[in-house]
Amino acid sequence: MSLTFIFFNTIISGLITLLSIPYIRQTAIKNGLIEKPKKDKRKLQKKPMVRLGGISMVVGFTFTYIVNLIYGNSFLNNQITLIIFICSILIYLIGAIDDIFQIPPLPRLFFQILITSCAWQNGLRLNLINESILNNIYINNEILIFLNFVITVIWITGLTNAFNWLDGLDGLAAGICCLSAIGLFAISLSTQSLGTAHLSAIIIGICVGFLHYNFNPAKIYMGDGGSNFLGFLIASTSILQNSGSMAKFGLLPAFVLFSLPILDMCLVICGRILRGKSPFKPDNRHLHHKLLRMGLSHRNTVI
């Protein structure tokens, strides 16, 4: 597939996402699916808002994926991409149910790990760093497989939740995911990893399309469903990048691209544990909260 087709994926996914948002918003308002502002110092929401905007990104991604299958794009017509597609939809559904019914953190994490484990079982696996060295010191193959499973599950579920935790300001999660996808896209083109390039292009499109309505002042929120969907999708795409000529670098390029959500999650979890709190108990100690307390405006904090 030519570079033109890759850019076509960005355009079509962005347009479908953009055009679906008004309909989703109107339908949600009509059916009373609106979140009202709460008396919570973590929340910066000042007016009733639809939190089901993630549906638009799912629609944009699904439509573009199907178009690629119809036109015979061999880079996306394979088992791994199908697994990413199915599991990302399941991850979205878990988050969407949480948006409506408020699932406790541990059951939500359990289902995320379960879905990620199924993806691993069907071939979505990281290349372990220095696996050849581990083999030279006679580590059992079963141990290597188990390590691969653990690292893959931690990587995907960790980033899924990291992007969810970033979704505290208008346009923040979608903006950072878009920048990360641009980085993956650039690396993919330079290494001729065209499957990753196509997926990254689609992610860029759905993020840009959504940001039109989500950047401050937002007209719609992506909700936990949307942020979990983006996190899982970008994490899975980074695993595809961790192969071929890039395998020798391990996770280093992805760590650089995802440094902000990873750093934010690590600092927040460590801070909660040090204060004797549950790592799952929400607070207002994220990096974006700290920037706001320093005096930056909502929009400038995101920028």
C-alpha atoms as a PDB file:
ATOM      1  CA  MET A   1       0.000   0.000   0.000  1.00  0.00           C
ATOM      2  CA  SER A   2       1.279   3.444  -0.881  1.00  0.00           C
ATOM      3  CA  LEU A   3       1.876   6.355   1.456  1.00  0.00           C
ATOM      4  CA  THR A   4      -1.247   7.943  -0.029  1.00  0.00           C
ATOM      5  CA  PHE A   5      -3.392   5.106   1.347  1.00  0.00           C
ATOM      6  CA  ILE A   6      -1.839   5.553   4.792  1.00  0.00           C
ATOM      7  CA  PHE A   7      -2.790   9.236   4.811  1.00  0.00           C
ATOM      8  CA  PHE A   8      -6.231   8.245   3.512  1.00  0.00           C
ATOM      9  CA  ASN A   9      -6.649   6.254   6.747  1.00  0.00           C
ATOM     10  CA  THR A  10      -5.973   9.382   8.790  1.00  0.00           C
ATOM     11  CA  ILE A  11      -8.440  11.467   6.786  1.00  0.00           C
ATOM     12  CA  ILE A  12     -11.288   8.939   6.722  1.00  0.00           C
ATOM     13  CA  SER A  13     -10.985   7.994  10.416  1.00  0.00           C
ATOM     14  CA  GLY A  14     -10.852  11.666  11.386  1.00  0.00           C
ATOM     15  CA  LEU A  15     -13.878  12.587   9.271  1.00  0.00           C
ATOM     16  CA  ILE A  16     -16.023   9.686  10.523  1.00  0.00           C
ATOM     17  CA  THR A  17     -15.131  10.498  14.128  1.00  0.00           C
ATOM     18  CA  LEU A  18     -15.841  14.198  13.591  1.00  0.00           C
ATOM     19  CA  LEU A  19     -19.153  13.697  11.790  1.00  0.00           C
ATOM     20  CA  SER A  20     -20.497  11.145  14.279  1.00  0.00           C
ATOM     21  CA  ILE A  21     -20.034  13.321  17.383  1.00  0.00           C
ATOM     22  CA  PRO A  22     -23.052  15.659  16.912  1.00  0.00           C
ATOM     23  CA  TYR A  23     -25.378  12.662  16.460  1.00  0.00           C
ATOM     24  CA  ILE A  24     -23.916  10.867  19.502  1.00  0.00           C
ATOM     25  CA  ARG A  25     -24.200  14.024  21.586  1.00  0.00           C
ATOM     26  CA  GLN A  26     -27.802  14.703  20.588  1.00  0.00           C
ATOM     27  CA  THR A  27     -28.810  11.077  21.191  1.00  0.00           C
ATOM     28  CA  ALA A  28     -27.203  11.064  24.645  1.00  0.00           C
ATOM     29  CA  ILE A  29     -28.897  14.337  25.624  1.00  0.00           C
ATOM     30  CA  LYS A  30     -32.250  13.061  24.356  1.00  0.00           C
ATOM     31  CA  ASN A  31     -31.921   9.927  26.509  1.00  0.00           C
ATOM     32  CA  GLY A  32     -30.649  11.748  29.605  1.00  0.00           C
ATOM     33  CA  LEU A  33     -27.145  10.252  29.441  1.00  0.00           C
ATOM     34  CA  ILE A  34     -25.501  13.378  30.836  1.00  0.00           C
ATOM     35  CA  GLU A  35     -23.097  13.763  33.733  1.00  0.00           C
ATOM     36  CA  LYS A  36     -23.815  16.717  35.985  1.00  0.00           C
ATOM     37  CA  PRO A  37     -21.011  18.581  37.804  1.00  0.00           C
ATOM     38  CA  LYS A  38     -20.103  17.001  41.142  1.00  0.00           C
ATOM     39  CA  LYS A  39     -18.772  18.557  44.324  1.00  0.00           C
ATOM     40  CA  ASP A  40     -15.372  16.966  43.920  1.00  0.00           C
ATOM     41  CA  LYS A  41     -12.107  18.941  44.016  1.00  0.00           C
ATOM     42  CA  ARG A  42     -10.642  16.571  41.413  1.00  0.00           C
ATOM     43  CA  LYS A  43     -13.346  17.406  38.900  1.00  0.00           C
ATOM     44  CA  LEU A  44     -13.026  20.577  36.816  1.00  0.00           C
ATOM     45  CA  GLN A  45     -16.355  20.072  35.061  1.00  0.00           C
ATOM     46  CA  LYS A  46     -18.568  23.153  35.409  1.00  0.00           C
ATOM     47  CA  LYS A  47     -21.617  22.197  33.320  1.00  0.00           C
ATOM     48  CA  PRO A  48     -23.589  19.053  32.370  1.00  0.00           C
ATOM     49  CA  MET A  49     -21.645  17.046  29.798  1.00  0.00           C
ATOM     50  CA  VAL A  50     -22.080  13.948  27.646  1.00  0.00           C
ATOM     51  CA  ARG A  51     -19.389  11.409  28.578  1.00  0.00           C
ATOM     52  CA  LEU A  52     -19.960   8.911  25.775  1.00  0.00           C
ATOM     53  CA  GLY A  53     -17.832  10.645  23.140  1.00  0.00           C
ATOM     54  CA  GLY A  54     -15.553   7.617  22.984  1.00  0.00           C
ATOM     55  CA  ILE A  55     -18.203   5.971  20.792  1.00  0.00           C
ATOM     56  CA  SER A  56     -17.205   8.342  17.984  1.00  0.00           C
ATOM     57  CA  MET A  57     -13.598   7.113  18.101  1.00  0.00           C
ATOM     58  CA  VAL A  58     -14.737   3.494  18.093  1.00  0.00           C
ATOM     59  CA  VAL A  59     -16.964   4.235  15.085  1.00  0.00           C
ATOM     60  CA  GLY A  60     -14.134   6.044  13.269  1.00  0.00           C
ATOM     61  CA  PHE A  61     -11.669   3.229  13.936  1.00  0.00           C
ATOM     62  CA  THR A  62     -14.151   0.469  13.029  1.00  0.00           C
ATOM     63  CA  PHE A  63     -15.270   2.114   9.790  1.00  0.00           C
ATOM     64  CA  THR A  64     -11.687   2.720   8.646  1.00  0.00           C
ATOM     65  CA  TYR A  65     -10.619  -0.811   9.567  1.00  0.00           C
ATOM     66  CA  ILE A  66     -13.484  -2.314   7.565  1.00  0.00           C
ATOM     67  CA  VAL A  67     -12.674  -0.089   4.560  1.00  0.00           C
ATOM     68  CA  ASN A  68      -9.088  -1.382   4.670  1.00  0.00           C
ATOM     69  CA  LEU A  69     -10.331  -4.979   4.687  1.00  0.00           C
ATOM     70  CA  ILE A  70     -12.658  -4.319   1.748  1.00  0.00           C
ATOM     71  CA  TYR A  71      -9.841  -2.752  -0.273  1.00  0.00           C
ATOM     72  CA  GLY A  72      -7.498  -5.628   0.534  1.00  0.00           C
ATOM     73  CA  ASN A  73      -4.936  -3.860   2.723  1.00  0.00           C
ATOM     74  CA  SER A  74      -2.753  -6.833   3.626  1.00  0.00           C
ATOM     75  CA  PHE A  75      -0.942  -4.852   6.327  1.00  0.00           C
ATOM     76  CA  LEU A  76      -4.147  -4.719   8.413  1.00  0.00           C
ATOM     77  CA  ASN A  77      -5.777  -7.924   7.159  1.00  0.00           C
ATOM     78  CA  ASN A  78      -4.092 -10.302   9.601  1.00  0.00           C
ATOM     79  CA  GLN A  79      -4.753 -12.079  12.888  1.00  0.00           C
ATOM     80  CA  ILE A  80      -2.844  -9.658  15.132  1.00  0.00           C
ATOM     81  CA  THR A  81      -4.679  -6.587  13.849  1.00  0.00           C
ATOM     82  CA  LEU A  82      -7.994  -8.426  14.181  1.00  0.00           C
ATOM     83  CA  ILE A  83      -7.136  -9.282  17.798  1.00  0.00           C
ATOM     84  CA  ILE A  84      -6.268  -5.633  18.504  1.00  0.00           C
ATOM     85  CA  PHE A  85      -9.560  -4.560  16.925  1.00  0.00           C
ATOM     86  CA  ILE A  86     -11.720  -7.014  18.902  1.00  0.00           C
ATOM     87  CA  CYS A  87      -9.959  -6.484  22.230  1.00  0.00           C
ATOM     88  CA  SER A  88      -9.971  -2.686  21.927  1.00  0.00           C
ATOM     89  CA  ILE A  89     -13.757  -2.816  21.429  1.00  0.00           C
ATOM     90  CA  LEU A  90     -14.093  -5.035  24.534  1.00  0.00           C
ATOM     91  CA  ILE A  91     -11.899  -2.638  26.529  1.00  0.00           C
ATOM     92  CA  TYR A  92     -14.110   0.232  25.387  1.00  0.00           C
ATOM     93  CA  LEU A  93     -17.246  -1.602  26.531  1.00  0.00           C
ATOM     94  CA  ILE A  94     -15.785  -2.133  30.017  1.00  0.00           C
ATOM     95  CA  GLY A  95     -15.031   1.581  30.270  1.00  0.00           C
ATOM     96  CA  ALA A  96     -18.432   2.594  28.865  1.00  0.00           C
ATOM     97  CA  ILE A  97     -20.207   0.395  31.409  1.00  0.00           C
ATOM     98  CA  ASP A  98     -18.094   2.066  34.091  1.00  0.00           C
ATOM     99  CA  ASP A  99     -19.168   5.495  32.766  1.00  0.00           C
ATOM    100  CA  ILE A 100     -22.809   4.559  33.243  1.00  0.00           C
ATOM    101  CA  PHE A 101     -22.826   2.214  36.257  1.00  0.00           C
ATOM    102  CA  GLN A 102     -19.525   3.005  38.097  1.00  0.00           C
ATOM    103  CA  ILE A 103     -17.629  -0.319  38.250  1.00  0.00           C
ATOM    104  CA  PRO A 104     -15.206  -0.561  41.237  1.00  0.00           C
ATOM    105  CA  PRO A 105     -11.480  -0.342  40.295  1.00  0.00           C
ATOM    106  CA  LEU A 106     -10.470  -3.945  41.018  1.00  0.00           C
ATOM    107  CA  PRO A 107     -13.196  -5.661  38.938  1.00  0.00           C
ATOM    108  CA  ARG A 108     -12.467  -3.206  36.114  1.00  0.00           C
ATOM    109  CA  LEU A 109      -8.749  -4.032  36.301  1.00  0.00           C
ATOM    110  CA  PHE A 110      -9.552  -7.759  36.378  1.00  0.00           C
ATOM    111  CA  PHE A 111     -11.485  -7.546  33.108  1.00  0.00           C
ATOM    112  CA  GLN A 112      -8.732  -5.448  31.506  1.00  0.00           C
ATOM    113  CA  ILE A 113      -6.131  -8.068  32.458  1.00  0.00           C
ATOM    114  CA  LEU A 114      -8.418 -10.839  31.211  1.00  0.00           C
ATOM    115  CA  ILE A 115      -8.886  -9.161  27.812  1.00  0.00           C
ATOM    116  CA  THR A 116      -5.162  -8.418  27.522  1.00  0.00           C
ATOM    117  CA  SER A 117      -4.345 -12.028  28.430  1.00  0.00           C
ATOM    118  CA  CYS A 118      -6.609 -13.228  25.624  1.00  0.00           C
ATOM    119  CA  ALA A 119      -4.807 -10.871  23.233  1.00  0.00           C
ATOM    120  CA  TRP A 120      -1.432 -12.253  24.377  1.00  0.00           C
ATOM    121  CA  GLN A 121      -2.668 -15.821  23.940  1.00  0.00           C
ATOM    122  CA  ASN A 122      -3.570 -14.980  20.347  1.00  0.00           C
ATOM    123  CA  GLY A 123      -0.177 -13.535  19.447  1.00  0.00           C
ATOM    124  CA  LEU A 124      -0.024  -9.926  20.697  1.00  0.00           C
ATOM    125  CA  ARG A 125       3.332 -10.215  22.480  1.00  0.00           C
ATOM    126  CA  LEU A 126       6.294  -8.008  23.259  1.00  0.00           C
ATOM    127  CA  ASN A 127       9.791  -9.076  22.290  1.00  0.00           C
ATOM    128  CA  LEU A 128      11.634  -9.520  25.574  1.00  0.00           C
ATOM    129  CA  ILE A 129      14.734  -7.366  25.946  1.00  0.00           C
ATOM    130  CA  ASN A 130      17.980  -9.357  25.672  1.00  0.00           C
ATOM    131  CA  GLU A 131      16.169 -12.677  25.274  1.00  0.00           C
ATOM    132  CA  SER A 132      19.297 -14.178  23.686  1.00  0.00           C
ATOM    133  CA  ILE A 133      21.334 -13.287  26.769  1.00  0.00           C
ATOM    134  CA  LEU A 134      18.727 -14.926  28.988  1.00  0.00           C
ATOM    135  CA  ASN A 135      18.918 -18.059  26.857  1.00  0.00           C
ATOM    136  CA  ASN A 136      22.714 -18.133  27.243  1.00  0.00           C
ATOM    137  CA  ILE A 137      22.391 -18.363  31.018  1.00  0.00           C
ATOM    138  CA  TYR A 138      20.071 -21.342  30.635  1.00  0.00           C
ATOM    139  CA  ILE A 139      16.797 -19.837  31.773  1.00  0.00           C
ATOM    140  CA  ASN A 140      13.991 -22.279  31.112  1.00  0.00           C
ATOM    141  CA  ASN A 141      11.851 -21.519  28.048  1.00  0.00           C
ATOM    142  CA  GLU A 142       8.677 -21.691  30.140  1.00  0.00           C
ATOM    143  CA  ILE A 143      10.060 -18.930  32.359  1.00  0.00           C
ATOM    144  CA  LEU A 144      10.750 -16.768  29.302  1.00  0.00           C
ATOM    145  CA  ILE A 145       7.200 -17.311  28.092  1.00  0.00           C
ATOM    146  CA  PHE A 146       5.842 -16.389  31.524  1.00  0.00           C
ATOM    147  CA  LEU A 147       8.020 -13.260  31.656  1.00  0.00           C
ATOM    148  CA  ASN A 148       6.773 -12.292  28.202  1.00  0.00           C
ATOM    149  CA  PHE A 149       3.187 -12.714  29.386  1.00  0.00           C
ATOM    150  CA  VAL A 150       3.703 -10.637  32.543  1.00  0.00           C
ATOM    151  CA  ILE A 151       5.543  -7.794  30.790  1.00  0.00           C
ATOM    152  CA  THR A 152       3.006  -7.654  27.949  1.00  0.00           C
ATOM    153  CA  VAL A 153       0.035  -7.565  30.342  1.00  0.00           C
ATOM    154  CA  ILE A 154       1.654  -4.909  32.551  1.00  0.00           C
ATOM    155  CA  TRP A 155       2.568  -2.803  29.516  1.00  0.00           C
ATOM    156  CA  ILE A 156      -0.876  -2.841  27.915  1.00  0.00           C
ATOM    157  CA  THR A 157      -3.038  -2.588  31.053  1.00  0.00           C
ATOM    158  CA  GLY A 158      -0.661  -0.019  32.543  1.00  0.00           C
ATOM    159  CA  LEU A 159      -0.853   2.279  29.509  1.00  0.00           C
ATOM    160  CA  THR A 160      -4.597   1.708  29.204  1.00  0.00           C
ATOM    161  CA  ASN A 161      -5.062   3.084  32.704  1.00  0.00           C
ATOM    162  CA  ALA A 162      -2.346   5.722  32.348  1.00  0.00           C
ATOM    163  CA  PHE A 163      -4.225   7.368  29.480  1.00  0.00           C
ATOM    164  CA  ASN A 164      -7.446   7.027  31.449  1.00  0.00           C
ATOM    165  CA  TRP A 165      -5.851   8.901  34.369  1.00  0.00           C
ATOM    166  CA  LEU A 166      -4.646  11.621  32.007  1.00  0.00           C
ATOM    167  CA  ASP A 167      -8.209  12.335  30.925  1.00  0.00           C
ATOM    168  CA  GLY A 168      -8.677  15.091  33.503  1.00  0.00           C
ATOM    169  CA  LEU A 169      -8.628  18.165  31.276  1.00  0.00           C
ATOM    170  CA  ASP A 170     -10.307  19.011  27.981  1.00  0.00           C
ATOM    171  CA  GLY A 171      -8.253  17.572  25.133  1.00  0.00           C
ATOM    172  CA  LEU A 172      -5.392  16.251  27.277  1.00  0.00           C
ATOM    173  CA  ALA A 173      -5.708  12.472  26.744  1.00  0.00           C
ATOM    174  CA  ALA A 174      -6.610  12.782  23.053  1.00  0.00           C
ATOM    175  CA  GLY A 175      -3.835  15.328  22.474  1.00  0.00           C
ATOM    176  CA  ILE A 176      -1.101  13.253  24.096  1.00  0.00           C
ATOM    177  CA  CYS A 177      -2.319  10.078  22.374  1.00  0.00           C
ATOM    178  CA  CYS A 178      -2.221  11.943  19.042  1.00  0.00           C
ATOM    179  CA  LEU A 179       1.379  13.087  19.630  1.00  0.00           C
ATOM    180  CA  SER A 180       2.401   9.559  20.678  1.00  0.00           C
ATOM    181  CA  ALA A 181       0.786   8.138  17.536  1.00  0.00           C
ATOM    182  CA  ILE A 182       2.649  10.681  15.384  1.00  0.00           C
ATOM    183  CA  GLY A 183       5.890   9.469  16.974  1.00  0.00           C
ATOM    184  CA  LEU A 184       5.014   5.819  16.299  1.00  0.00           C
ATOM    185  CA  PHE A 185       4.038   6.757  12.746  1.00  0.00           C
ATOM    186  CA  ALA A 186       7.397   8.439  12.095  1.00  0.00           C
ATOM    187  CA  ILE A 187       9.358   5.478  13.507  1.00  0.00           C
ATOM    188  CA  SER A 188       7.211   3.041  11.514  1.00  0.00           C
ATOM    189  CA  LEU A 189       7.876   4.780   8.225  1.00  0.00           C
ATOM    190  CA  SER A 190      11.609   4.956   8.884  1.00  0.00           C
ATOM    191  CA  THR A 191      11.732   1.215   9.629  1.00  0.00           C
ATOM    192  CA  GLN A 192       9.209   0.190   6.944  1.00  0.00           C
ATOM    193  CA  SER A 193       6.830  -1.235   9.574  1.00  0.00           C
ATOM    194  CA  LEU A 194       3.813  -0.446   7.432  1.00  0.00           C
ATOM    195  CA  GLY A 195       1.239  -2.292   9.550  1.00  0.00           C
ATOM    196  CA  THR A 196       2.140  -0.083  12.505  1.00  0.00           C
ATOM    197  CA  ALA A 197       2.150   2.968  10.220  1.00  0.00           C
ATOM    198  CA  HIS A 198      -1.429   2.255   9.094  1.00  0.00           C
ATOM    199  CA  LEU A 199      -2.676   1.751  12.669  1.00  0.00           C
ATOM    200  CA  SER A 200      -0.853   4.866  13.884  1.00  0.00           C
ATOM    201  CA  ALA A 201      -2.383   6.870  11.037  1.00  0.00           C
ATOM    202  CA  ILE A 202      -5.880   5.760  12.057  1.00  0.00           C
ATOM    203  CA  ILE A 203      -5.222   6.680  15.707  1.00  0.00           C
ATOM    204  CA  ILE A 204      -4.005  10.134  14.637  1.00  0.00           C
ATOM    205  CA  GLY A 205      -7.207  10.602  12.643  1.00  0.00           C
ATOM    206  CA  ILE A 206      -9.628   9.661  15.422  1.00  0.00           C
ATOM    207  CA  CYS A 207      -7.742  11.833  17.923  1.00  0.00           C
ATOM    208  CA  VAL A 208      -7.748  14.902  15.656  1.00  0.00           C
ATOM    209  CA  GLY A 209     -11.413  14.390  14.773  1.00  0.00           C
ATOM    210  CA  PHE A 210     -12.349  14.105  18.432  1.00  0.00           C
ATOM    211  CA  LEU A 211     -10.240  17.085  19.520  1.00  0.00           C
ATOM    212  CA  HIS A 212     -12.404  19.398  17.403  1.00  0.00           C
ATOM    213  CA  TYR A 213     -15.183  18.916  19.970  1.00  0.00           C
ATOM    214  CA  ASN A 214     -13.060  18.015  22.998  1.00  0.00           C
ATOM    215  CA  PHE A 215     -10.451  20.788  23.178  1.00  0.00           C
ATOM    216  CA  ASN A 216     -11.153  23.451  25.777  1.00  0.00           C
ATOM    217  CA  PRO A 217     -13.961  24.424  26.099  1.00  0.00           C
ATOM    218  CA  ALA A 218     -15.126  20.868  25.436  1.00  0.00           C
ATOM    219  CA  LYS A 219     -18.555  20.065  24.052  1.00  0.00           C
ATOM    220  CA  ILE A 220     -18.247  16.345  24.801  1.00  0.00           C
ATOM    221  CA  TYR A 221     -16.074  14.023  26.922  1.00  0.00           C
ATOM    222  CA  MET A 222     -14.620  10.712  25.777  1.00  0.00           C
ATOM    223  CA  GLY A 223     -15.377   9.085  29.136  1.00  0.00           C
ATOM    224  CA  ASP A 224     -13.531   6.139  30.637  1.00  0.00           C
ATOM    225  CA  GLY A 225     -14.588   4.061  27.647  1.00  0.00           C
ATOM    226  CA  GLY A 226     -12.846   6.407  25.225  1.00  0.00           C
ATOM    227  CA  SER A 227      -9.663   6.883  27.256  1.00  0.00           C
ATOM    228  CA  ASN A 228      -9.331   3.141  27.890  1.00  0.00           C
ATOM    229  CA  PHE A 229      -9.925   2.492  24.191  1.00  0.00           C
ATOM    230  CA  LEU A 230      -7.199   4.949  23.169  1.00  0.00           C
ATOM    231  CA  GLY A 231      -4.767   3.634  25.784  1.00  0.00           C
ATOM    232  CA  PHE A 232      -5.225   0.014  24.767  1.00  0.00           C
ATOM    233  CA  LEU A 233      -5.035   0.858  21.067  1.00  0.00           C
ATOM    234  CA  ILE A 234      -1.821   2.898  21.274  1.00  0.00           C
ATOM    235  CA  ALA A 235      -0.192   0.379  23.647  1.00  0.00           C
ATOM    236  CA  SER A 236      -1.021  -2.513  21.303  1.00  0.00           C
ATOM    237  CA  THR A 237       0.274  -0.591  18.297  1.00  0.00           C
ATOM    238  CA  SER A 238       3.555   0.056  20.109  1.00  0.00           C
ATOM    239  CA  ILE A 239       3.942  -3.708  20.576  1.00  0.00           C
ATOM    240  CA  LEU A 240       3.747  -4.197  16.810  1.00  0.00           C
ATOM    241  CA  GLN A 241       6.519  -1.595  16.503  1.00  0.00           C
ATOM    242  CA  ASN A 242       8.667  -3.621  18.922  1.00  0.00           C
ATOM    243  CA  SER A 243       9.653  -6.109  16.209  1.00  0.00           C
ATOM    244  CA  GLY A 244      11.891  -6.455  13.187  1.00  0.00           C
ATOM    245  CA  SER A 245      14.680  -3.900  13.012  1.00  0.00           C
ATOM    246  CA  MET A 246      13.351  -2.099  16.128  1.00  0.00           C
ATOM    247  CA  ALA A 247      13.470  -5.190  18.370  1.00  0.00           C
ATOM    248  CA  LYS A 248      17.086  -4.446  19.386  1.00  0.00           C
ATOM    249  CA  PHE A 249      15.936  -1.215  21.052  1.00  0.00           C
ATOM    250  CA  GLY A 250      13.376  -3.009  23.210  1.00  0.00           C
ATOM    251  CA  LEU A 251      10.795  -0.705  24.758  1.00  0.00           C
ATOM    252  CA  LEU A 252      13.039   2.371  24.775  1.00  0.00           C
ATOM    253  CA  PRO A 253      11.315   4.240  21.867  1.00  0.00           C
ATOM    254  CA  ALA A 254       7.882   3.547  23.363  1.00  0.00           C
ATOM    255  CA  PHE A 255       9.041   4.651  26.828  1.00  0.00           C
ATOM    256  CA  VAL A 256      10.146   7.958  25.330  1.00  0.00           C
ATOM    257  CA  LEU A 257       6.867   8.452  23.440  1.00  0.00           C
ATOM    258  CA  PHE A 258       4.736   7.530  26.464  1.00  0.00           C
ATOM    259  CA  SER A 259       6.964   9.173  29.070  1.00  0.00           C
ATOM    260  CA  LEU A 260       4.314  11.630  30.287  1.00  0.00           C
ATOM    261  CA  PRO A 261       1.499   9.145  31.061  1.00  0.00           C
ATOM    262  CA  ILE A 262       4.010   6.653  32.498  1.00  0.00           C
ATOM    263  CA  LEU A 263       5.655   9.296  34.702  1.00  0.00           C
ATOM    264  CA  ASP A 264       2.298  10.662  35.836  1.00  0.00           C
ATOM    265  CA  MET A 265       1.005   7.203  36.779  1.00  0.00           C
ATOM    266  CA  CYS A 266       4.192   6.216  38.628  1.00  0.00           C
ATOM    267  CA  LEU A 267       4.341   9.451  40.637  1.00  0.00           C
ATOM    268  CA  VAL A 268       0.660   9.282  41.556  1.00  0.00           C
ATOM    269  CA  ILE A 269       0.793   5.616  42.616  1.00  0.00           C
ATOM    270  CA  CYS A 270       3.972   6.110  44.674  1.00  0.00           C
ATOM    271  CA  GLY A 271       2.509   9.214  46.312  1.00  0.00           C
ATOM    272  CA  ARG A 272      -0.688   7.416  47.289  1.00  0.00           C
ATOM    273  CA  ILE A 273       1.195   4.439  48.732  1.00  0.00           C
ATOM    274  CA  LEU A 274       3.570   6.688  50.705  1.00  0.00           C
ATOM    275  CA  ARG A 275       0.552   8.471  52.225  1.00  0.00           C
ATOM    276  CA  GLY A 276      -0.956   5.132  53.193  1.00  0.00           C
ATOM    277  CA  LYS A 277      -3.728   5.392  50.589  1.00  0.00           C
ATOM    278  CA  SER A 278      -4.941   2.861  48.069  1.00  0.00           C
ATOM    279  CA  PRO A 279      -3.185   3.259  44.684  1.00  0.00           C
ATOM    280  CA  PHE A 280      -6.659   3.108  43.138  1.00  0.00           C
ATOM    281  CA  LYS A 281      -8.141   5.918  45.238  1.00  0.00           C
ATOM    282  CA  PRO A 282      -8.554   9.020  43.013  1.00  0.00           C
ATOM    283  CA  ASP A 283      -6.999  12.336  44.057  1.00  0.00           C
ATOM    284  CA  ASN A 284      -5.902  15.663  42.590  1.00  0.00           C
ATOM    285  CA  ARG A 285      -2.152  15.008  42.540  1.00  0.00           C
ATOM    286  CA  HIS A 286      -1.735  14.373  38.829  1.00  0.00           C
ATOM    287  CA  LEU A 287       0.738  16.514  36.879  1.00  0.00           C
ATOM    288  CA  HIS A 288      -2.048  18.526  35.264  1.00  0.00           C
ATOM    289  CA  HIS A 289      -3.535  19.321  38.689  1.00  0.00           C
ATOM    290  CA  LYS A 290      -0.132  20.587  39.858  1.00  0.00           C
ATOM    291  CA  LEU A 291       0.233  22.825  36.805  1.00  0.00           C
ATOM    292  CA  LEU A 292      -3.206  24.289  37.467  1.00  0.00           C
ATOM    293  CA  ARG A 293      -2.235  25.027  41.082  1.00  0.00           C
ATOM    294  CA  MET A 294       0.869  26.813  39.763  1.00  0.00           C
ATOM    295  CA  GLY A 295      -1.477  29.297  38.103  1.00  0.00           C
ATOM    296  CA  LEU A 296      -1.689  28.060  34.515  1.00  0.00           C
ATOM    297  CA  SER A 297      -5.075  28.273  32.807  1.00  0.00           C
ATOM    298  CA  HIS A 298      -6.964  25.143  31.791  1.00  0.00           C
ATOM    299  CA  ARG A 299      -6.027  25.546  28.119  1.00  0.00           C
ATOM    300  CA  ASN A 300      -2.375  26.461  28.765  1.00  0.00           C
ATOM    301  CA  THR A 301      -1.961  23.476  31.069  1.00  0.00           C
ATOM    302  CA  VAL A 302      -3.048  21.153  28.252  1.00  0.00           C
ATOM    303  CA  ILE A 303      -0.812  22.912  25.723  1.00  0.00           C
END
